[in-house]
C-alpha atoms as a PDB file:
ATOM      1  CA  MET A   1     127.023-153.248 169.620  1.00  0.00           C
ATOM      2  CA  PRO A   2     125.801-153.452 166.064  1.00  0.00           C
ATOM      3  CA  PHE A   3     122.327-152.012 166.913  1.00  0.00           C
ATOM      4  CA  CYS A   4     121.186-149.173 169.137  1.00  0.00           C
ATOM      5  CA  PRO A   5     119.582-150.534 172.363  1.00  0.00           C
ATOM      6  CA  SER A   6     116.939-147.773 172.512  1.00  0.00           C
ATOM      7  CA  CYS A   7     115.738-147.585 168.900  1.00  0.00           C
ATOM      8  CA  GLY A   8     117.097-150.713 167.212  1.00  0.00           C
ATOM      9  CA  LEU A   9     118.807-148.946 164.323  1.00  0.00           C
ATOM     10  CA  LYS A  10     122.175-150.092 163.005  1.00  0.00           C
ATOM     11  CA  VAL A  11     125.068-148.315 164.740  1.00  0.00           C
ATOM     12  CA  GLY A  12     127.952-146.917 162.635  1.00  0.00           C
ATOM     13  CA  GLU A  13     131.479-148.378 162.629  1.00  0.00           C
ATOM     14  CA  ALA A  14     132.790-145.991 165.268  1.00  0.00           C
ATOM     15  CA  GLY A  15     130.052-147.094 167.615  1.00  0.00           C
ATOM     16  CA  GLU A  16     127.953-144.006 166.950  1.00  0.00           C
ATOM     17  CA  ARG A  17     124.502-144.003 165.570  1.00  0.00           C
ATOM     18  CA  SER A  18     123.932-143.008 161.994  1.00  0.00           C
ATOM     19  CA  ASP A  19     122.466-139.545 161.285  1.00  0.00           C
ATOM     20  CA  ALA A  20     119.042-141.023 160.497  1.00  0.00           C
ATOM     21  CA  ALA A  21     119.049-143.046 163.703  1.00  0.00           C
ATOM     22  CA  ARG A  22     120.057-140.008 165.722  1.00  0.00           C
ATOM     23  CA  SER A  23     117.277-137.797 164.308  1.00  0.00           C
ATOM     24  CA  ILE A  24     114.560-140.433 164.829  1.00  0.00           C
ATOM     25  CA  SER A  25     115.806-141.285 168.294  1.00  0.00           C
ATOM     26  CA  ASP A  26     116.099-137.637 169.320  1.00  0.00           C
ATOM     27  CA  ASP A  27     112.530-136.814 168.195  1.00  0.00           C
ATOM     28  CA  ARG A  28     110.855-139.686 169.989  1.00  0.00           C
ATOM     29  CA  PRO A  29     111.258-138.622 173.589  1.00  0.00           C
ATOM     30  CA  ALA A  30     110.020-135.096 172.886  1.00  0.00           C
ATOM     31  CA  SER A  31     106.937-136.258 170.999  1.00  0.00           C
ATOM     32  CA  ARG A  32     106.226-138.904 173.623  1.00  0.00           C
ATOM     33  CA  GLY A  33     106.400-136.245 176.322  1.00  0.00           C
ATOM     34  CA  ARG A  34     103.987-133.915 174.523  1.00  0.00           C
ATOM     35  CA  SER A  35     101.499-136.717 173.840  1.00  0.00           C
ATOM     36  CA  PHE A  36     101.697-137.935 177.422  1.00  0.00           C
ATOM     37  CA  LYS A  37     101.208-134.414 178.825  1.00  0.00           C
ATOM     38  CA  GLY A  38      98.173-133.861 176.558  1.00  0.00           C
ATOM     39  CA  THR A  39      96.632-137.144 177.719  1.00  0.00           C
ATOM     40  CA  ILE A  40      97.186-136.237 181.378  1.00  0.00           C
ATOM     41  CA  LEU A  41      95.647-132.774 180.900  1.00  0.00           C
ATOM     42  CA  MET A  42      92.636-134.245 179.090  1.00  0.00           C
ATOM     43  CA  ALA A  43      92.102-136.804 181.873  1.00  0.00           C
ATOM     44  CA  ILE A  44      92.289-134.087 184.550  1.00  0.00           C
ATOM     45  CA  LEU A  45      89.800-131.942 182.624  1.00  0.00           C
ATOM     46  CA  LEU A  46      87.331-134.829 182.241  1.00  0.00           C
ATOM     47  CA  VAL A  47      87.544-135.704 185.934  1.00  0.00           C
ATOM     48  CA  ALA A  48      86.960-132.041 186.901  1.00  0.00           C
ATOM     49  CA  VAL A  49      83.925-131.685 184.634  1.00  0.00           C
ATOM     50  CA  GLY A  50      82.490-134.966 185.900  1.00  0.00           C
ATOM     51  CA  ALA A  51      82.978-133.922 189.534  1.00  0.00           C
ATOM     52  CA  ILE A  52      81.287-130.558 188.972  1.00  0.00           C
ATOM     53  CA  GLY A  53      78.373-132.204 187.148  1.00  0.00           C
ATOM     54  CA  TYR A  54      77.932-134.775 189.899  1.00  0.00           C
ATOM     55  CA  ALA A  55      78.022-132.061 192.582  1.00  0.00           C
ATOM     56  CA  LEU A  56      75.371-130.011 190.782  1.00  0.00           C
ATOM     57  CA  LEU A  57      73.064-132.983 190.300  1.00  0.00           C
ATOM     58  CA  THR A  58      73.315-134.289 193.848  1.00  0.00           C
ATOM     59  CA  ARG A  59      73.234-131.132 195.944  1.00  0.00           C
ATOM     60  CA  SER A  60      70.191-130.806 198.172  1.00  0.00           C
ATOM     61  CA  GLY A  61      67.590-128.258 197.107  1.00  0.00           C
ATOM     62  CA  ALA A  62      68.717-128.075 193.488  1.00  0.00           C
ATOM     63  CA  PRO A  63      65.922-127.566 190.972  1.00  0.00           C
ATOM     64  CA  LEU A  64      64.970-130.778 189.228  1.00  0.00           C
ATOM     65  CA  ILE A  65      65.218-130.937 185.479  1.00  0.00           C
ATOM     66  CA  GLY A  66      61.926-129.988 183.844  1.00  0.00           C
ATOM     67  CA  THR A  67      60.441-128.383 186.955  1.00  0.00           C
ATOM     68  CA  PRO A  68      61.583-124.768 187.229  1.00  0.00           C
ATOM     69  CA  GLY A  69      62.027-123.689 190.841  1.00  0.00           C
ATOM     70  CA  ALA A  70      61.120-127.094 192.275  1.00  0.00           C
ATOM     71  CA  THR A  71      63.228-128.365 195.151  1.00  0.00           C
ATOM     72  CA  GLN A  72      64.437-131.878 195.543  1.00  0.00           C
ATOM     73  CA  PRO A  73      62.214-134.030 197.775  1.00  0.00           C
ATOM     74  CA  PRO A  74      63.666-135.666 200.873  1.00  0.00           C
ATOM     75  CA  GLY A  75      65.478-138.935 200.322  1.00  0.00           C
ATOM     76  CA  GLN A  76      68.816-139.972 198.948  1.00  0.00           C
ATOM     77  CA  PRO A  77      70.833-137.024 197.566  1.00  0.00           C
ATOM     78  CA  GLY A  78      70.819-137.157 193.806  1.00  0.00           C
ATOM     79  CA  GLN A  79      67.866-139.528 193.714  1.00  0.00           C
ATOM     80  CA  VAL A  80      65.380-138.452 191.080  1.00  0.00           C
ATOM     81  CA  PRO A  81      61.743-139.009 192.092  1.00  0.00           C
ATOM     82  CA  PRO A  82      59.534-141.053 189.779  1.00  0.00           C
ATOM     83  CA  ALA A  83      57.666-139.031 187.167  1.00  0.00           C
ATOM     84  CA  VAL A  84      54.247-137.885 188.307  1.00  0.00           C
ATOM     85  CA  ALA A  85      51.672-137.911 185.547  1.00  0.00           C
ATOM     86  CA  THR A  86      49.613-134.741 185.372  1.00  0.00           C
ATOM     87  CA  PRO A  87      46.042-135.743 184.612  1.00  0.00           C
ATOM     88  CA  LEU A  88      44.801-134.314 181.346  1.00  0.00           C
ATOM     89  CA  PRO A  89      41.404-132.673 181.354  1.00  0.00           C
ATOM     90  CA  ALA A  90      38.667-134.952 180.110  1.00  0.00           C
ATOM     91  CA  PRO A  91      37.920-134.318 176.452  1.00  0.00           C
ATOM     92  CA  ILE A  92      34.750-132.386 175.739  1.00  0.00           C
ATOM     93  CA  THR A  93      32.372-134.779 174.016  1.00  0.00           C
ATOM     94  CA  GLU A  94      29.011-133.047 174.165  1.00  0.00           C
ATOM     95  CA  LEU A  95      27.338-129.661 174.021  1.00  0.00           C
ATOM     96  CA  THR A  96      26.948-127.850 177.341  1.00  0.00           C
ATOM     97  CA  ILE A  97      25.492-124.438 178.182  1.00  0.00           C
ATOM     98  CA  THR A  98      27.206-122.720 181.106  1.00  0.00           C
ATOM     99  CA  SER A  99      25.492-119.308 181.029  1.00  0.00           C
ATOM    100  CA  PRO A 100      22.737-118.255 181.454  1.00  0.00           C
ATOM    101  CA  THR A 101      21.312-120.999 183.641  1.00  0.00           C
ATOM    102  CA  ASP A 102      18.016-122.684 182.854  1.00  0.00           C
ATOM    103  CA  GLY A 103      15.112-120.546 184.142  1.00  0.00           C
ATOM    104  CA  GLN A 104      17.272-117.467 184.792  1.00  0.00           C
ATOM    105  CA  ALA A 105      15.492-114.098 184.767  1.00  0.00           C
ATOM    106  CA  VAL A 106      17.255-111.221 183.037  1.00  0.00           C
ATOM    107  CA  ALA A 107      16.517-107.520 182.639  1.00  0.00           C
ATOM    108  CA  THR A 108      18.323-107.021 179.332  1.00  0.00           C
ATOM    109  CA  LYS A 109      16.893-107.472 175.837  1.00  0.00           C
ATOM    110  CA  GLU A 110      20.010-109.476 174.788  1.00  0.00           C
ATOM    111  CA  VAL A 111      22.034-112.203 176.482  1.00  0.00           C
ATOM    112  CA  THR A 112      25.228-113.931 175.470  1.00  0.00           C
ATOM    113  CA  VAL A 113      24.805-117.681 175.696  1.00  0.00           C
ATOM    114  CA  ILE A 114      28.116-119.331 176.607  1.00  0.00           C
ATOM    115  CA  GLY A 115      28.938-123.019 176.509  1.00  0.00           C
ATOM    116  CA  MET A 116      31.416-125.763 175.711  1.00  0.00           C
ATOM    117  CA  ALA A 117      31.682-128.364 172.955  1.00  0.00           C
ATOM    118  CA  PRO A 118      34.410-130.241 171.064  1.00  0.00           C
ATOM    119  CA  PRO A 119      36.874-127.712 169.545  1.00  0.00           C
ATOM    120  CA  GLY A 120      36.388-126.689 165.920  1.00  0.00           C
ATOM    121  CA  LEU A 121      32.747-127.764 165.598  1.00  0.00           C
ATOM    122  CA  GLU A 122      29.860-125.511 164.601  1.00  0.00           C
ATOM    123  CA  ILE A 123      27.173-124.633 167.142  1.00  0.00           C
ATOM    124  CA  THR A 124      23.711-123.853 165.786  1.00  0.00           C
ATOM    125  CA  GLN A 125      20.938-121.965 167.537  1.00  0.00           C
ATOM    126  CA  ASP A 126      17.547-123.229 166.332  1.00  0.00           C
ATOM    127  CA  ILE A 127      15.380-120.227 165.504  1.00  0.00           C
ATOM    128  CA  SER A 128      11.712-120.953 164.762  1.00  0.00           C
ATOM    129  CA  PHE A 129      10.389-119.284 161.616  1.00  0.00           C
ATOM    130  CA  GLY A 130      13.747-117.720 160.782  1.00  0.00           C
ATOM    131  CA  PRO A 131      17.309-118.501 159.779  1.00  0.00           C
ATOM    132  CA  ASP A 132      19.377-120.331 162.366  1.00  0.00           C
ATOM    133  CA  GLN A 133      22.338-118.587 163.984  1.00  0.00           C
ATOM    134  CA  HIS A 134      25.821-120.211 164.014  1.00  0.00           C
ATOM    135  CA  THR A 135      29.188-119.934 165.749  1.00  0.00           C
ATOM    136  CA  THR A 136      32.350-122.049 165.867  1.00  0.00           C
ATOM    137  CA  VAL A 137      33.838-123.608 169.002  1.00  0.00           C
ATOM    138  CA  ASP A 138      37.343-122.228 169.691  1.00  0.00           C
ATOM    139  CA  GLY A 139      40.472-124.335 170.297  1.00  0.00           C
ATOM    140  CA  THR A 140      39.799-124.515 174.042  1.00  0.00           C
ATOM    141  CA  GLY A 141      36.245-125.846 173.601  1.00  0.00           C
ATOM    142  CA  HIS A 142      34.377-122.575 174.360  1.00  0.00           C
ATOM    143  CA  TRP A 143      31.653-120.937 172.291  1.00  0.00           C
ATOM    144  CA  ALA A 144      29.326-117.932 172.634  1.00  0.00           C
ATOM    145  CA  ILE A 145      26.297-116.588 170.745  1.00  0.00           C
ATOM    146  CA  LYS A 146      24.526-113.267 171.380  1.00  0.00           C
ATOM    147  CA  VAL A 147      20.747-113.861 171.462  1.00  0.00           C
ATOM    148  CA  GLY A 148      17.908-111.330 171.331  1.00  0.00           C
ATOM    149  CA  LEU A 149      15.028-111.985 173.732  1.00  0.00           C
ATOM    150  CA  ASN A 150      11.273-111.413 173.613  1.00  0.00           C
ATOM    151  CA  ASP A 151       9.296-110.251 176.658  1.00  0.00           C
ATOM    152  CA  GLY A 152       8.544-113.133 179.059  1.00  0.00           C
ATOM    153  CA  ASP A 153       9.646-116.758 178.540  1.00  0.00           C
ATOM    154  CA  ASN A 154      12.229-117.532 175.866  1.00  0.00           C
ATOM    155  CA  ARG A 155      13.128-121.107 174.975  1.00  0.00           C
ATOM    156  CA  LEU A 156      16.627-121.193 173.500  1.00  0.00           C
ATOM    157  CA  THR A 157      17.702-124.379 171.714  1.00  0.00           C
ATOM    158  CA  PHE A 158      21.249-125.161 170.568  1.00  0.00           C
ATOM    159  CA  ARG A 159      22.859-128.161 168.861  1.00  0.00           C
ATOM    160  CA  ILE A 160      26.179-129.227 167.375  1.00  0.00           C
ATOM    161  CA  GLY A 161      25.919-128.640 163.609  1.00  0.00           C
ATOM    162  CA  ASP A 162      22.854-130.421 162.232  1.00  0.00           C
ATOM    163  CA  ASP A 163      22.885-133.223 164.812  1.00  0.00           C
ATOM    164  CA  ASP A 164      19.475-133.109 166.559  1.00  0.00           C
ATOM    165  CA  SER A 165      20.636-135.708 169.088  1.00  0.00           C
ATOM    166  CA  THR A 166      22.925-133.059 170.665  1.00  0.00           C
ATOM    167  CA  LYS A 167      20.141-130.508 171.312  1.00  0.00           C
ATOM    168  CA  LYS A 168      20.154-128.585 174.589  1.00  0.00           C
ATOM    169  CA  THR A 169      17.333-126.193 175.522  1.00  0.00           C
ATOM    170  CA  ILE A 170      17.274-123.581 178.262  1.00  0.00           C
ATOM    171  CA  ARG A 171      14.564-121.175 179.359  1.00  0.00           C
ATOM    172  CA  VAL A 172      15.412-117.506 179.912  1.00  0.00           C
ATOM    173  CA  VAL A 173      12.839-115.044 181.242  1.00  0.00           C
ATOM    174  CA  TYR A 174      13.120-111.448 180.081  1.00  0.00           C
ATOM    175  CA  THR A 175      11.440-108.909 182.317  1.00  0.00           C
ATOM    176  CA  PRO A 176      11.852-105.355 181.067  1.00  0.00           C
ATOM    177  CA  PRO A 177      12.908-102.889 183.731  1.00  0.00           C
ATOM    178  CA  ALA A 178      10.081-100.816 185.194  1.00  0.00           C
ATOM    179  CA  THR A 179       9.868 -97.338 183.727  1.00  0.00           C
ATOM    180  CA  ALA A 180       9.706 -94.402 186.078  1.00  0.00           C
ATOM    181  CA  PRO A 181       6.419 -92.373 185.859  1.00  0.00           C
END
């Protein structure tokens, strides 16, 4: 035969392959075997990783992604429940006074007035015939101002900044403790 049946190179006169044909032909099976073995190993590795991942995601009682310690709800194994929206707290839009309550009687000369308002705004206590007192609402919407009281009824008025439409007034009654004779 003038050409090699396996590689197609021209065969020498004695029917043997030339040196170049022999070296190319001899290298091919070895390199094909290594490439084929690498492909088989890679395929086996991918199947194993996929099987382990599937088993972890579908086992009953496995924590769901994004919910530490949560267990999977009943239903199809591996079925992810629909996302449940957590309601956000309603934004604070006005000035409120949470403590002391309107009409509360106290036995201390000072009280700390606590309330809520939109974060970052300034709260002003209106003080008649004197400079107003101010504080800033923290990032969570809370504020507090320490207020000195006079004997008897005290009307305490607060507003957001200079906005008179946001005024809130409470009445606090200071009764000094009885002194022992």
